[in-house]
C-alpha atoms as a PDB file:
ATOM      1  CA  MET A   1    -163.787 133.555 -45.646  1.00  0.00           C
ATOM      2  CA  ASP A   2    -162.174 130.704 -47.624  1.00  0.00           C
ATOM      3  CA  ALA A   3    -162.132 132.795 -50.818  1.00  0.00           C
ATOM      4  CA  ASP A   4    -160.611 135.737 -48.936  1.00  0.00           C
ATOM      5  CA  VAL A   5    -157.937 133.514 -47.382  1.00  0.00           C
ATOM      6  CA  ASP A   6    -157.142 131.939 -50.763  1.00  0.00           C
ATOM      7  CA  SER A   7    -156.749 135.359 -52.350  1.00  0.00           C
ATOM      8  CA  LEU A   8    -154.577 136.628 -49.499  1.00  0.00           C
ATOM      9  CA  ALA A   9    -152.397 133.515 -49.664  1.00  0.00           C
ATOM     10  CA  ARG A  10    -151.857 133.977 -53.411  1.00  0.00           C
ATOM     11  CA  GLU A  11    -150.904 137.636 -52.970  1.00  0.00           C
ATOM     12  CA  ILE A  12    -148.457 136.809 -50.178  1.00  0.00           C
ATOM     13  CA  ARG A  13    -146.812 134.108 -52.281  1.00  0.00           C
ATOM     14  CA  ALA A  14    -146.500 136.634 -55.112  1.00  0.00           C
ATOM     15  CA  GLY A  15    -144.434 138.851 -52.781  1.00  0.00           C
ATOM     16  CA  ASN A  16    -147.049 141.585 -52.279  1.00  0.00           C
ATOM     17  CA  ARG A  17    -145.826 143.482 -49.215  1.00  0.00           C
ATOM     18  CA  ARG A  18    -149.229 145.008 -48.467  1.00  0.00           C
ATOM     19  CA  ALA A  19    -150.780 141.559 -48.509  1.00  0.00           C
ATOM     20  CA  LEU A  20    -148.000 140.288 -46.228  1.00  0.00           C
ATOM     21  CA  ALA A  21    -148.717 143.107 -43.774  1.00  0.00           C
ATOM     22  CA  ARG A  22    -152.434 142.221 -43.842  1.00  0.00           C
ATOM     23  CA  GLY A  23    -151.603 138.573 -43.253  1.00  0.00           C
ATOM     24  CA  ILE A  24    -149.433 139.412 -40.251  1.00  0.00           C
ATOM     25  CA  THR A  25    -152.179 141.634 -38.816  1.00  0.00           C
ATOM     26  CA  LEU A  26    -154.562 138.708 -39.216  1.00  0.00           C
ATOM     27  CA  VAL A  27    -152.342 136.203 -37.377  1.00  0.00           C
ATOM     28  CA  GLU A  28    -151.697 138.744 -34.600  1.00  0.00           C
ATOM     29  CA  SER A  29    -155.420 139.300 -34.028  1.00  0.00           C
ATOM     30  CA  THR A  30    -157.094 137.700 -31.016  1.00  0.00           C
ATOM     31  CA  ARG A  31    -160.635 137.730 -32.448  1.00  0.00           C
ATOM     32  CA  PRO A  32    -162.014 134.161 -32.679  1.00  0.00           C
ATOM     33  CA  ASP A  33    -163.079 134.553 -36.338  1.00  0.00           C
ATOM     34  CA  HIS A  34    -159.640 135.981 -37.183  1.00  0.00           C
ATOM     35  CA  ARG A  35    -157.906 133.123 -35.380  1.00  0.00           C
ATOM     36  CA  GLN A  36    -159.752 130.616 -37.573  1.00  0.00           C
ATOM     37  CA  ALA A  37    -158.905 132.533 -40.742  1.00  0.00           C
ATOM     38  CA  ALA A  38    -155.284 132.825 -39.596  1.00  0.00           C
ATOM     39  CA  ALA A  39    -155.098 129.062 -39.071  1.00  0.00           C
ATOM     40  CA  GLU A  40    -156.388 128.496 -42.614  1.00  0.00           C
ATOM     41  CA  LEU A  41    -153.894 130.992 -44.022  1.00  0.00           C
ATOM     42  CA  LEU A  42    -150.976 129.371 -42.202  1.00  0.00           C
ATOM     43  CA  GLU A  43    -152.028 125.921 -43.400  1.00  0.00           C
ATOM     44  CA  ARG A  44    -152.082 127.108 -47.016  1.00  0.00           C
ATOM     45  CA  LEU A  45    -148.698 128.834 -46.778  1.00  0.00           C
ATOM     46  CA  ALA A  46    -146.761 126.351 -44.635  1.00  0.00           C
ATOM     47  CA  PRO A  47    -145.755 124.128 -47.614  1.00  0.00           C
ATOM     48  CA  HIS A  48    -144.153 127.190 -49.240  1.00  0.00           C
ATOM     49  CA  ALA A  49    -142.177 128.291 -46.156  1.00  0.00           C
ATOM     50  CA  GLY A  50    -138.956 127.111 -44.563  1.00  0.00           C
ATOM     51  CA  ASP A  51    -136.496 128.063 -47.300  1.00  0.00           C
ATOM     52  CA  SER A  52    -134.674 130.807 -45.436  1.00  0.00           C
ATOM     53  CA  VAL A  53    -131.944 131.496 -42.911  1.00  0.00           C
ATOM     54  CA  ARG A  54    -133.388 132.639 -39.604  1.00  0.00           C
ATOM     55  CA  LEU A  55    -131.131 134.897 -37.537  1.00  0.00           C
ATOM     56  CA  GLY A  56    -131.845 135.907 -33.964  1.00  0.00           C
ATOM     57  CA  ILE A  57    -130.072 139.066 -32.797  1.00  0.00           C
ATOM     58  CA  THR A  58    -129.950 140.308 -29.233  1.00  0.00           C
ATOM     59  CA  GLY A  59    -127.999 142.772 -27.112  1.00  0.00           C
ATOM     60  CA  VAL A  60    -128.555 145.418 -24.487  1.00  0.00           C
ATOM     61  CA  PRO A  61    -130.165 148.750 -25.491  1.00  0.00           C
ATOM     62  CA  GLY A  62    -127.520 151.051 -26.927  1.00  0.00           C
ATOM     63  CA  VAL A  63    -125.375 148.277 -28.377  1.00  0.00           C
ATOM     64  CA  GLY A  64    -126.414 149.322 -31.893  1.00  0.00           C
ATOM     65  CA  LYS A  65    -128.772 146.481 -32.891  1.00  0.00           C
ATOM     66  CA  SER A  66    -130.848 148.559 -35.290  1.00  0.00           C
ATOM     67  CA  THR A  67    -127.813 150.133 -36.970  1.00  0.00           C
ATOM     68  CA  PHE A  68    -126.212 146.710 -37.284  1.00  0.00           C
ATOM     69  CA  ILE A  69    -129.366 145.125 -38.731  1.00  0.00           C
ATOM     70  CA  GLU A  70    -129.864 147.958 -41.210  1.00  0.00           C
ATOM     71  CA  SER A  71    -126.287 147.720 -42.494  1.00  0.00           C
ATOM     72  CA  PHE A  72    -126.316 143.919 -42.505  1.00  0.00           C
ATOM     73  CA  GLY A  73    -129.678 143.852 -44.265  1.00  0.00           C
ATOM     74  CA  ASN A  74    -128.452 146.224 -46.970  1.00  0.00           C
ATOM     75  CA  LEU A  75    -125.332 144.092 -47.411  1.00  0.00           C
ATOM     76  CA  ALA A  76    -127.478 140.968 -47.838  1.00  0.00           C
ATOM     77  CA  ILE A  77    -129.716 142.699 -50.400  1.00  0.00           C
ATOM     78  CA  ASP A  78    -126.674 143.875 -52.343  1.00  0.00           C
ATOM     79  CA  ARG A  79    -125.655 140.205 -52.492  1.00  0.00           C
ATOM     80  CA  GLY A  80    -128.968 139.156 -54.002  1.00  0.00           C
ATOM     81  CA  HIS A  81    -131.086 138.289 -50.983  1.00  0.00           C
ATOM     82  CA  ARG A  82    -134.521 139.429 -49.793  1.00  0.00           C
ATOM     83  CA  VAL A  83    -134.574 140.431 -46.147  1.00  0.00           C
ATOM     84  CA  ALA A  84    -137.388 140.521 -43.595  1.00  0.00           C
ATOM     85  CA  VAL A  85    -136.788 142.122 -40.198  1.00  0.00           C
ATOM     86  CA  LEU A  86    -139.114 141.258 -37.336  1.00  0.00           C
ATOM     87  CA  ALA A  87    -138.149 144.018 -34.953  1.00  0.00           C
ATOM     88  CA  VAL A  88    -139.735 143.518 -31.564  1.00  0.00           C
ATOM     89  CA  ASP A  89    -140.007 146.750 -29.593  1.00  0.00           C
ATOM     90  CA  PRO A  90    -140.511 147.225 -25.866  1.00  0.00           C
ATOM     91  CA  SER A  91    -144.205 147.724 -25.165  1.00  0.00           C
ATOM     92  CA  SER A  92    -145.901 150.584 -23.411  1.00  0.00           C
ATOM     93  CA  SER A  93    -147.466 149.372 -20.175  1.00  0.00           C
ATOM     94  CA  LEU A  94    -150.366 151.764 -20.838  1.00  0.00           C
ATOM     95  CA  SER A  95    -151.259 151.243 -24.495  1.00  0.00           C
ATOM     96  CA  GLY A  96    -149.403 148.006 -25.280  1.00  0.00           C
ATOM     97  CA  GLY A  97    -147.962 149.640 -28.396  1.00  0.00           C
ATOM     98  CA  SER A  98    -144.378 149.762 -29.640  1.00  0.00           C
ATOM     99  CA  ILE A  99    -142.241 152.467 -28.070  1.00  0.00           C
ATOM    100  CA  LEU A 100    -139.235 152.798 -30.368  1.00  0.00           C
ATOM    101  CA  GLY A 101    -140.669 152.273 -33.861  1.00  0.00           C
ATOM    102  CA  ASP A 102    -137.994 150.401 -35.810  1.00  0.00           C
ATOM    103  CA  LYS A 103    -138.953 151.719 -39.224  1.00  0.00           C
ATOM    104  CA  THR A 104    -137.853 155.157 -38.076  1.00  0.00           C
ATOM    105  CA  ARG A 105    -134.541 153.631 -36.938  1.00  0.00           C
ATOM    106  CA  MET A 106    -133.945 151.748 -40.211  1.00  0.00           C
ATOM    107  CA  GLU A 107    -134.912 154.327 -42.816  1.00  0.00           C
ATOM    108  CA  ARG A 108    -132.433 153.249 -45.504  1.00  0.00           C
ATOM    109  CA  LEU A 109    -133.363 149.592 -45.249  1.00  0.00           C
ATOM    110  CA  ALA A 110    -137.091 150.370 -45.158  1.00  0.00           C
ATOM    111  CA  ARG A 111    -136.797 152.089 -48.535  1.00  0.00           C
ATOM    112  CA  ARG A 112    -135.366 148.991 -50.236  1.00  0.00           C
ATOM    113  CA  GLU A 113    -137.863 147.077 -52.368  1.00  0.00           C
ATOM    114  CA  GLU A 114    -136.261 143.786 -51.283  1.00  0.00           C
ATOM    115  CA  ALA A 115    -136.754 144.502 -47.572  1.00  0.00           C
ATOM    116  CA  PHE A 116    -139.741 144.134 -45.267  1.00  0.00           C
ATOM    117  CA  ILE A 117    -139.672 145.509 -41.722  1.00  0.00           C
ATOM    118  CA  ARG A 118    -142.363 144.658 -39.221  1.00  0.00           C
ATOM    119  CA  PRO A 119    -142.176 146.291 -35.784  1.00  0.00           C
ATOM    120  CA  SER A 120    -144.347 144.605 -33.164  1.00  0.00           C
ATOM    121  CA  PRO A 121    -144.854 145.268 -29.451  1.00  0.00           C
ATOM    122  CA  ALA A 122    -143.367 142.593 -27.207  1.00  0.00           C
ATOM    123  CA  GLY A 123    -146.261 142.819 -24.776  1.00  0.00           C
ATOM    124  CA  ARG A 124    -145.815 140.452 -21.839  1.00  0.00           C
ATOM    125  CA  THR A 125    -144.305 137.624 -23.855  1.00  0.00           C
ATOM    126  CA  LEU A 126    -141.074 136.246 -22.385  1.00  0.00           C
ATOM    127  CA  GLY A 127    -137.917 136.422 -24.415  1.00  0.00           C
ATOM    128  CA  GLY A 128    -138.583 139.852 -25.860  1.00  0.00           C
ATOM    129  CA  VAL A 129    -140.491 138.430 -28.813  1.00  0.00           C
ATOM    130  CA  ALA A 130    -144.008 139.177 -29.945  1.00  0.00           C
ATOM    131  CA  ARG A 131    -146.840 136.715 -29.342  1.00  0.00           C
ATOM    132  CA  ARG A 132    -147.046 135.655 -32.989  1.00  0.00           C
ATOM    133  CA  THR A 133    -143.440 135.998 -34.139  1.00  0.00           C
ATOM    134  CA  ARG A 134    -143.326 132.369 -35.306  1.00  0.00           C
ATOM    135  CA  GLU A 135    -146.369 132.820 -37.524  1.00  0.00           C
ATOM    136  CA  THR A 136    -145.009 136.088 -38.883  1.00  0.00           C
ATOM    137  CA  LEU A 137    -141.729 134.377 -39.695  1.00  0.00           C
ATOM    138  CA  LEU A 138    -143.554 131.675 -41.652  1.00  0.00           C
ATOM    139  CA  LEU A 139    -145.537 134.248 -43.658  1.00  0.00           C
ATOM    140  CA  CYS A 140    -142.354 136.137 -44.559  1.00  0.00           C
ATOM    141  CA  GLU A 141    -140.746 132.940 -45.820  1.00  0.00           C
ATOM    142  CA  ALA A 142    -143.810 132.143 -47.924  1.00  0.00           C
ATOM    143  CA  ALA A 143    -143.539 135.654 -49.406  1.00  0.00           C
ATOM    144  CA  GLY A 144    -140.034 134.842 -50.655  1.00  0.00           C
ATOM    145  CA  TYR A 145    -137.800 136.437 -48.023  1.00  0.00           C
ATOM    146  CA  ASP A 146    -134.766 134.180 -47.653  1.00  0.00           C
ATOM    147  CA  LEU A 147    -133.089 135.991 -44.744  1.00  0.00           C
ATOM    148  CA  ILE A 148    -135.287 136.542 -41.685  1.00  0.00           C
ATOM    149  CA  ILE A 149    -133.845 138.612 -38.841  1.00  0.00           C
ATOM    150  CA  VAL A 150    -135.578 138.577 -35.451  1.00  0.00           C
ATOM    151  CA  GLU A 151    -134.429 141.444 -33.240  1.00  0.00           C
ATOM    152  CA  THR A 152    -135.211 141.059 -29.554  1.00  0.00           C
ATOM    153  CA  VAL A 153    -135.731 143.788 -26.993  1.00  0.00           C
ATOM    154  CA  GLY A 154    -132.566 142.968 -25.070  1.00  0.00           C
ATOM    155  CA  VAL A 155    -133.720 144.310 -21.704  1.00  0.00           C
ATOM    156  CA  GLY A 156    -132.904 141.324 -19.508  1.00  0.00           C
ATOM    157  CA  GLN A 157    -135.732 138.937 -20.364  1.00  0.00           C
ATOM    158  CA  SER A 158    -134.965 135.318 -21.176  1.00  0.00           C
ATOM    159  CA  GLU A 159    -133.631 135.105 -24.731  1.00  0.00           C
ATOM    160  CA  THR A 160    -134.161 131.339 -24.947  1.00  0.00           C
ATOM    161  CA  VAL A 161    -137.382 131.798 -26.921  1.00  0.00           C
ATOM    162  CA  VAL A 162    -135.773 133.590 -29.854  1.00  0.00           C
ATOM    163  CA  ALA A 163    -132.804 131.212 -29.840  1.00  0.00           C
ATOM    164  CA  GLU A 164    -135.234 128.313 -30.181  1.00  0.00           C
ATOM    165  CA  MET A 165    -137.121 129.800 -33.143  1.00  0.00           C
ATOM    166  CA  THR A 166    -134.067 130.797 -35.206  1.00  0.00           C
ATOM    167  CA  ASP A 167    -131.216 128.929 -36.883  1.00  0.00           C
ATOM    168  CA  MET A 168    -128.362 131.155 -35.727  1.00  0.00           C
ATOM    169  CA  PHE A 169    -128.292 133.277 -32.576  1.00  0.00           C
ATOM    170  CA  ILE A 170    -126.066 136.371 -32.565  1.00  0.00           C
ATOM    171  CA  LEU A 171    -125.157 138.331 -29.440  1.00  0.00           C
ATOM    172  CA  LEU A 172    -124.007 141.946 -29.799  1.00  0.00           C
ATOM    173  CA  LEU A 173    -121.745 143.456 -27.139  1.00  0.00           C
ATOM    174  CA  LEU A 174    -120.234 146.862 -26.530  1.00  0.00           C
ATOM    175  CA  PRO A 175    -116.474 147.358 -26.238  1.00  0.00           C
ATOM    176  CA  GLY A 176    -115.955 146.979 -22.520  1.00  0.00           C
ATOM    177  CA  GLY A 177    -113.288 144.462 -21.587  1.00  0.00           C
ATOM    178  CA  GLY A 178    -112.992 142.801 -18.212  1.00  0.00           C
ATOM    179  CA  ASP A 179    -115.706 144.724 -16.371  1.00  0.00           C
ATOM    180  CA  GLU A 180    -118.326 143.658 -18.882  1.00  0.00           C
ATOM    181  CA  LEU A 181    -117.074 140.081 -18.803  1.00  0.00           C
ATOM    182  CA  GLN A 182    -117.582 139.950 -15.036  1.00  0.00           C
ATOM    183  CA  GLY A 183    -121.259 140.806 -15.453  1.00  0.00           C
ATOM    184  CA  MET A 184    -121.979 138.781 -18.559  1.00  0.00           C
ATOM    185  CA  LYS A 185    -125.072 136.606 -18.658  1.00  0.00           C
ATOM    186  CA  ARG A 186    -123.731 133.123 -18.939  1.00  0.00           C
ATOM    187  CA  GLY A 187    -127.031 131.741 -20.235  1.00  0.00           C
ATOM    188  CA  ILE A 188    -127.210 134.113 -23.196  1.00  0.00           C
ATOM    189  CA  THR A 189    -123.524 133.624 -23.959  1.00  0.00           C
ATOM    190  CA  GLU A 190    -124.000 129.849 -24.028  1.00  0.00           C
ATOM    191  CA  LEU A 191    -126.821 130.261 -26.551  1.00  0.00           C
ATOM    192  CA  ALA A 192    -124.809 132.463 -28.906  1.00  0.00           C
ATOM    193  CA  ASP A 193    -123.469 130.982 -32.131  1.00  0.00           C
ATOM    194  CA  LEU A 194    -121.629 134.214 -32.900  1.00  0.00           C
ATOM    195  CA  ILE A 195    -120.603 136.995 -30.512  1.00  0.00           C
ATOM    196  CA  LEU A 196    -119.971 140.403 -32.079  1.00  0.00           C
ATOM    197  CA  VAL A 197    -118.294 143.283 -30.294  1.00  0.00           C
ATOM    198  CA  ASN A 198    -119.982 146.133 -32.132  1.00  0.00           C
ATOM    199  CA  LYS A 199    -118.867 149.752 -32.566  1.00  0.00           C
ATOM    200  CA  ALA A 200    -115.254 148.661 -33.102  1.00  0.00           C
ATOM    201  CA  ASP A 201    -114.244 151.891 -34.821  1.00  0.00           C
ATOM    202  CA  GLY A 202    -112.290 155.045 -34.029  1.00  0.00           C
ATOM    203  CA  GLU A 203    -111.035 155.275 -30.482  1.00  0.00           C
ATOM    204  CA  ARG A 204    -112.954 152.150 -29.458  1.00  0.00           C
ATOM    205  CA  ILE A 205    -110.963 149.685 -31.566  1.00  0.00           C
ATOM    206  CA  ALA A 206    -108.481 148.873 -28.786  1.00  0.00           C
ATOM    207  CA  ALA A 207    -111.246 148.342 -26.233  1.00  0.00           C
ATOM    208  CA  ALA A 208    -113.171 146.182 -28.720  1.00  0.00           C
ATOM    209  CA  ASN A 209    -110.157 143.973 -29.371  1.00  0.00           C
ATOM    210  CA  HIS A 210    -109.631 143.585 -25.634  1.00  0.00           C
ATOM    211  CA  THR A 211    -113.267 142.512 -25.200  1.00  0.00           C
ATOM    212  CA  VAL A 212    -112.915 140.025 -28.051  1.00  0.00           C
ATOM    213  CA  ALA A 213    -109.897 138.447 -26.349  1.00  0.00           C
ATOM    214  CA  ASP A 214    -111.726 138.236 -23.012  1.00  0.00           C
ATOM    215  CA  TYR A 215    -114.767 136.505 -24.497  1.00  0.00           C
ATOM    216  CA  ARG A 216    -112.696 134.110 -26.577  1.00  0.00           C
ATOM    217  CA  SER A 217    -111.031 132.997 -23.367  1.00  0.00           C
ATOM    218  CA  ALA A 218    -114.365 132.693 -21.575  1.00  0.00           C
ATOM    219  CA  LEU A 219    -115.904 130.552 -24.321  1.00  0.00           C
ATOM    220  CA  GLN A 220    -113.341 127.843 -23.647  1.00  0.00           C
ATOM    221  CA  PHE A 221    -115.090 127.135 -20.329  1.00  0.00           C
ATOM    222  CA  LEU A 222    -118.646 127.068 -21.687  1.00  0.00           C
ATOM    223  CA  PRO A 223    -120.351 123.988 -23.200  1.00  0.00           C
ATOM    224  CA  ARG A 224    -120.747 123.925 -26.960  1.00  0.00           C
ATOM    225  CA  ARG A 225    -124.306 124.189 -28.249  1.00  0.00           C
ATOM    226  CA  ARG A 226    -123.583 122.654 -31.682  1.00  0.00           C
ATOM    227  CA  ARG A 227    -121.709 119.556 -32.756  1.00  0.00           C
ATOM    228  CA  SER A 228    -120.623 121.046 -36.094  1.00  0.00           C
ATOM    229  CA  TRP A 229    -120.011 124.670 -35.089  1.00  0.00           C
ATOM    230  CA  GLU A 230    -117.744 126.293 -32.527  1.00  0.00           C
ATOM    231  CA  PRO A 231    -118.937 129.785 -31.469  1.00  0.00           C
ATOM    232  CA  GLU A 232    -116.722 132.653 -32.571  1.00  0.00           C
ATOM    233  CA  VAL A 233    -116.088 136.167 -31.281  1.00  0.00           C
ATOM    234  CA  LEU A 234    -115.451 139.040 -33.682  1.00  0.00           C
ATOM    235  CA  ALA A 235    -115.050 142.797 -33.519  1.00  0.00           C
ATOM    236  CA  CYS A 236    -117.147 144.644 -36.096  1.00  0.00           C
ATOM    237  CA  SER A 237    -118.394 148.055 -37.126  1.00  0.00           C
ATOM    238  CA  ALA A 238    -121.831 148.583 -38.653  1.00  0.00           C
ATOM    239  CA  LEU A 239    -120.820 151.956 -40.093  1.00  0.00           C
ATOM    240  CA  SER A 240    -119.735 150.441 -43.412  1.00  0.00           C
ATOM    241  CA  PRO A 241    -120.440 147.276 -45.443  1.00  0.00           C
ATOM    242  CA  GLU A 242    -116.720 146.458 -45.297  1.00  0.00           C
ATOM    243  CA  GLY A 243    -116.965 146.306 -41.525  1.00  0.00           C
ATOM    244  CA  LEU A 244    -119.615 143.592 -41.758  1.00  0.00           C
ATOM    245  CA  ALA A 245    -118.104 141.467 -44.531  1.00  0.00           C
ATOM    246  CA  PRO A 246    -116.432 139.110 -41.985  1.00  0.00           C
ATOM    247  CA  VAL A 247    -119.784 138.695 -40.233  1.00  0.00           C
ATOM    248  CA  TRP A 248    -121.470 137.719 -43.502  1.00  0.00           C
ATOM    249  CA  GLU A 249    -118.701 135.196 -44.144  1.00  0.00           C
ATOM    250  CA  ARG A 250    -119.261 133.615 -40.687  1.00  0.00           C
ATOM    251  CA  VAL A 251    -123.003 133.351 -41.306  1.00  0.00           C
ATOM    252  CA  GLU A 252    -122.389 131.588 -44.628  1.00  0.00           C
ATOM    253  CA  ARG A 253    -119.904 129.224 -42.981  1.00  0.00           C
ATOM    254  CA  PHE A 254    -122.358 128.483 -40.172  1.00  0.00           C
ATOM    255  CA  VAL A 255    -125.186 127.632 -42.584  1.00  0.00           C
ATOM    256  CA  ALA A 256    -122.901 125.436 -44.701  1.00  0.00           C
ATOM    257  CA  ALA A 257    -121.541 123.575 -41.669  1.00  0.00           C
ATOM    258  CA  LEU A 258    -124.974 122.775 -40.241  1.00  0.00           C
ATOM    259  CA  LYS A 259    -126.450 121.810 -43.608  1.00  0.00           C
ATOM    260  CA  GLN A 260    -123.578 119.424 -44.274  1.00  0.00           C
ATOM    261  CA  SER A 261    -124.372 117.689 -41.015  1.00  0.00           C
ATOM    262  CA  SER A 262    -127.801 116.685 -39.740  1.00  0.00           C
ATOM    263  CA  GLU A 263    -128.019 119.635 -37.330  1.00  0.00           C
ATOM    264  CA  TRP A 264    -129.870 121.948 -39.711  1.00  0.00           C
ATOM    265  CA  GLN A 265    -132.758 119.519 -40.171  1.00  0.00           C
ATOM    266  CA  GLU A 266    -132.708 118.586 -36.489  1.00  0.00           C
ATOM    267  CA  GLY A 267    -132.874 122.260 -35.532  1.00  0.00           C
ATOM    268  CA  ARG A 268    -135.856 122.951 -37.784  1.00  0.00           C
ATOM    269  CA  ALA A 269    -137.638 119.887 -36.388  1.00  0.00           C
ATOM    270  CA  ARG A 270    -137.033 121.121 -32.828  1.00  0.00           C
ATOM    271  CA  GLN A 271    -138.371 124.564 -33.761  1.00  0.00           C
ATOM    272  CA  ALA A 272    -141.584 123.005 -35.077  1.00  0.00           C
ATOM    273  CA  VAL A 273    -142.134 120.779 -32.034  1.00  0.00           C
ATOM    274  CA  ASP A 274    -141.346 123.647 -29.652  1.00  0.00           C
ATOM    275  CA  TRP A 275    -143.878 125.818 -31.514  1.00  0.00           C
ATOM    276  CA  LEU A 276    -146.464 123.017 -31.153  1.00  0.00           C
ATOM    277  CA  TRP A 277    -146.171 122.753 -27.379  1.00  0.00           C
ATOM    278  CA  ARG A 278    -145.976 126.478 -26.759  1.00  0.00           C
ATOM    279  CA  GLU A 279    -149.164 126.847 -28.769  1.00  0.00           C
ATOM    280  CA  VAL A 280    -150.816 124.053 -26.788  1.00  0.00           C
ATOM    281  CA  ALA A 281    -149.825 125.778 -23.528  1.00  0.00           C
ATOM    282  CA  ASP A 282    -151.196 129.122 -24.731  1.00  0.00           C
ATOM    283  CA  LEU A 283    -154.474 127.571 -25.871  1.00  0.00           C
ATOM    284  CA  LEU A 284    -154.933 125.660 -22.613  1.00  0.00           C
ATOM    285  CA  LEU A 285    -154.233 128.777 -20.541  1.00  0.00           C
ATOM    286  CA  ALA A 286    -156.717 130.814 -22.585  1.00  0.00           C
ATOM    287  CA  ASP A 287    -159.310 128.047 -22.211  1.00  0.00           C
ATOM    288  CA  LEU A 288    -158.704 127.874 -18.468  1.00  0.00           C
ATOM    289  CA  ARG A 289    -159.134 131.610 -18.006  1.00  0.00           C
ATOM    290  CA  ALA A 290    -162.344 131.576 -20.072  1.00  0.00           C
ATOM    291  CA  ASP A 291    -163.889 128.591 -18.245  1.00  0.00           C
ATOM    292  CA  PRO A 292    -167.214 129.839 -16.805  1.00  0.00           C
ATOM    293  CA  ARG A 293    -166.813 127.588 -13.772  1.00  0.00           C
ATOM    294  CA  LEU A 294    -163.474 129.153 -12.872  1.00  0.00           C
ATOM    295  CA  ALA A 295    -164.128 132.791 -13.734  1.00  0.00           C
ATOM    296  CA  PRO A 296    -166.059 133.586 -10.498  1.00  0.00           C
ATOM    297  CA  ARG A 297    -163.382 131.962  -8.320  1.00  0.00           C
ATOM    298  CA  LEU A 298    -160.225 133.408  -9.873  1.00  0.00           C
ATOM    299  CA  PRO A 299    -160.515 136.943  -8.360  1.00  0.00           C
ATOM    300  CA  ALA A 300    -160.712 135.540  -4.809  1.00  0.00           C
ATOM    301  CA  LEU A 301    -157.707 133.275  -5.368  1.00  0.00           C
ATOM    302  CA  GLU A 302    -155.701 136.120  -6.906  1.00  0.00           C
ATOM    303  CA  GLU A 303    -156.584 138.378  -3.968  1.00  0.00           C
ATOM    304  CA  ALA A 304    -155.531 135.682  -1.476  1.00  0.00           C
ATOM    305  CA  VAL A 305    -152.161 135.441  -3.247  1.00  0.00           C
ATOM    306  CA  ARG A 306    -151.857 139.217  -3.378  1.00  0.00           C
ATOM    307  CA  ARG A 307    -152.430 139.496   0.406  1.00  0.00           C
ATOM    308  CA  GLY A 308    -150.023 136.645   1.143  1.00  0.00           C
ATOM    309  CA  ALA A 309    -152.806 134.519   2.616  1.00  0.00           C
ATOM    310  CA  LYS A 310    -152.189 131.729   0.110  1.00  0.00           C
ATOM    311  CA  PRO A 311    -148.928 130.694  -1.570  1.00  0.00           C
ATOM    312  CA  PRO A 312    -149.010 130.986  -5.385  1.00  0.00           C
ATOM    313  CA  THR A 313    -148.126 127.286  -5.707  1.00  0.00           C
ATOM    314  CA  VAL A 314    -151.136 126.236  -3.627  1.00  0.00           C
ATOM    315  CA  ALA A 315    -153.474 128.598  -5.493  1.00  0.00           C
ATOM    316  CA  ALA A 316    -152.210 127.300  -8.837  1.00  0.00           C
ATOM    317  CA  GLN A 317    -152.863 123.704  -7.774  1.00  0.00           C
ATOM    318  CA  GLU A 318    -156.402 124.624  -6.709  1.00  0.00           C
ATOM    319  CA  ILE A 319    -157.083 126.304 -10.066  1.00  0.00           C
ATOM    320  CA  VAL A 320    -155.843 123.289 -12.037  1.00  0.00           C
ATOM    321  CA  GLN A 321    -157.815 120.871  -9.845  1.00  0.00           C
ATOM    322  CA  LEU A 322    -160.986 122.881 -10.389  1.00  0.00           C
ATOM    323  CA  TYR A 323    -160.302 122.951 -14.136  1.00  0.00           C
ATOM    324  CA  ARG A 324    -159.849 119.182 -14.229  1.00  0.00           C
ATOM    325  CA  ILE A 325    -163.225 118.419 -12.630  1.00  0.00           C
ATOM    326  CA  PRO A 326    -165.656 117.343 -15.379  1.00  0.00           C
ATOM    327  CA  PRO A 327    -168.724 119.643 -15.515  1.00  0.00           C
ATOM    328  CA  GLU A 328    -171.091 116.729 -14.839  1.00  0.00           C
ATOM    329  CA  GLU A 329    -169.236 115.803 -11.615  1.00  0.00           C
ATOM    330  CA  GLU A 330    -169.295 119.401 -10.435  1.00  0.00           C
ATOM    331  CA  ALA A 331    -173.061 119.578 -11.101  1.00  0.00           C
ATOM    332  CA  GLN A 332    -173.630 116.449  -9.000  1.00  0.00           C
ATOM    333  CA  SER A 333    -171.654 117.869  -6.096  1.00  0.00           C
END
């Protein structure tokens, strides 16, 4: 396996898109032998990753995320960058597979040699991001992509996860004005480094400008997330590169501002530590569920919770207490 991993790592570093796709499939696999190979691959590639700008993009369905990302990605490529899009689709509750298929929604970008698009089902992971998005992001960086865009589902799940794994978090809104402001999600708005009122073209320009004014006023009452950057609100149209030029300029200003301060390095350090503890939590939960001492008892506890006979908090405490008992003590009892 070592020789195979070495070969795959070399191909990924050379920018081979097929090899990158194979590497991502490997890190997404849940097979124990694949998990070990994936860990070896990540360890080999980690020293060659990190040299990119990571953008998180969210917004409700219909706001035009895919159109925006396609146009923005093409603009970035025209300016000399290589772009990877990690487009996380809603998952089918039956098959677990992606529903929308982002490559079919980003045909022009998918045809560019400098672009790589990877649609993945969100599954049951909170935040509308796939289980292994962090690993996929690292592989894309090692393959030479210097702009990584993570598109979230945007269906009401917590977006904190994607904000924590990216450098800049962008929220897309529809032209709506006061009514939309009344129902805005304060948490997501507080996380946003840049708020874009999309589809500001044709008859919607006036409504878009009104929404921009409303959100600029609202931001004055929200706490700032960054020391060296004040969130901005812009109207934009993804129908032409000219409509996104101001957005590109804000992204460049954001990166420059954070790199001139210590926030860029601090942010990357936080991303790494957050990844560590989320991985620890996932591994511990998987180990708990697979514990042969617990497996026979879990169905009864779940059924008691389902019937309302036992509060979830009490059942959870019982499960953890059982898990903590050393096997030798349980054998003696």
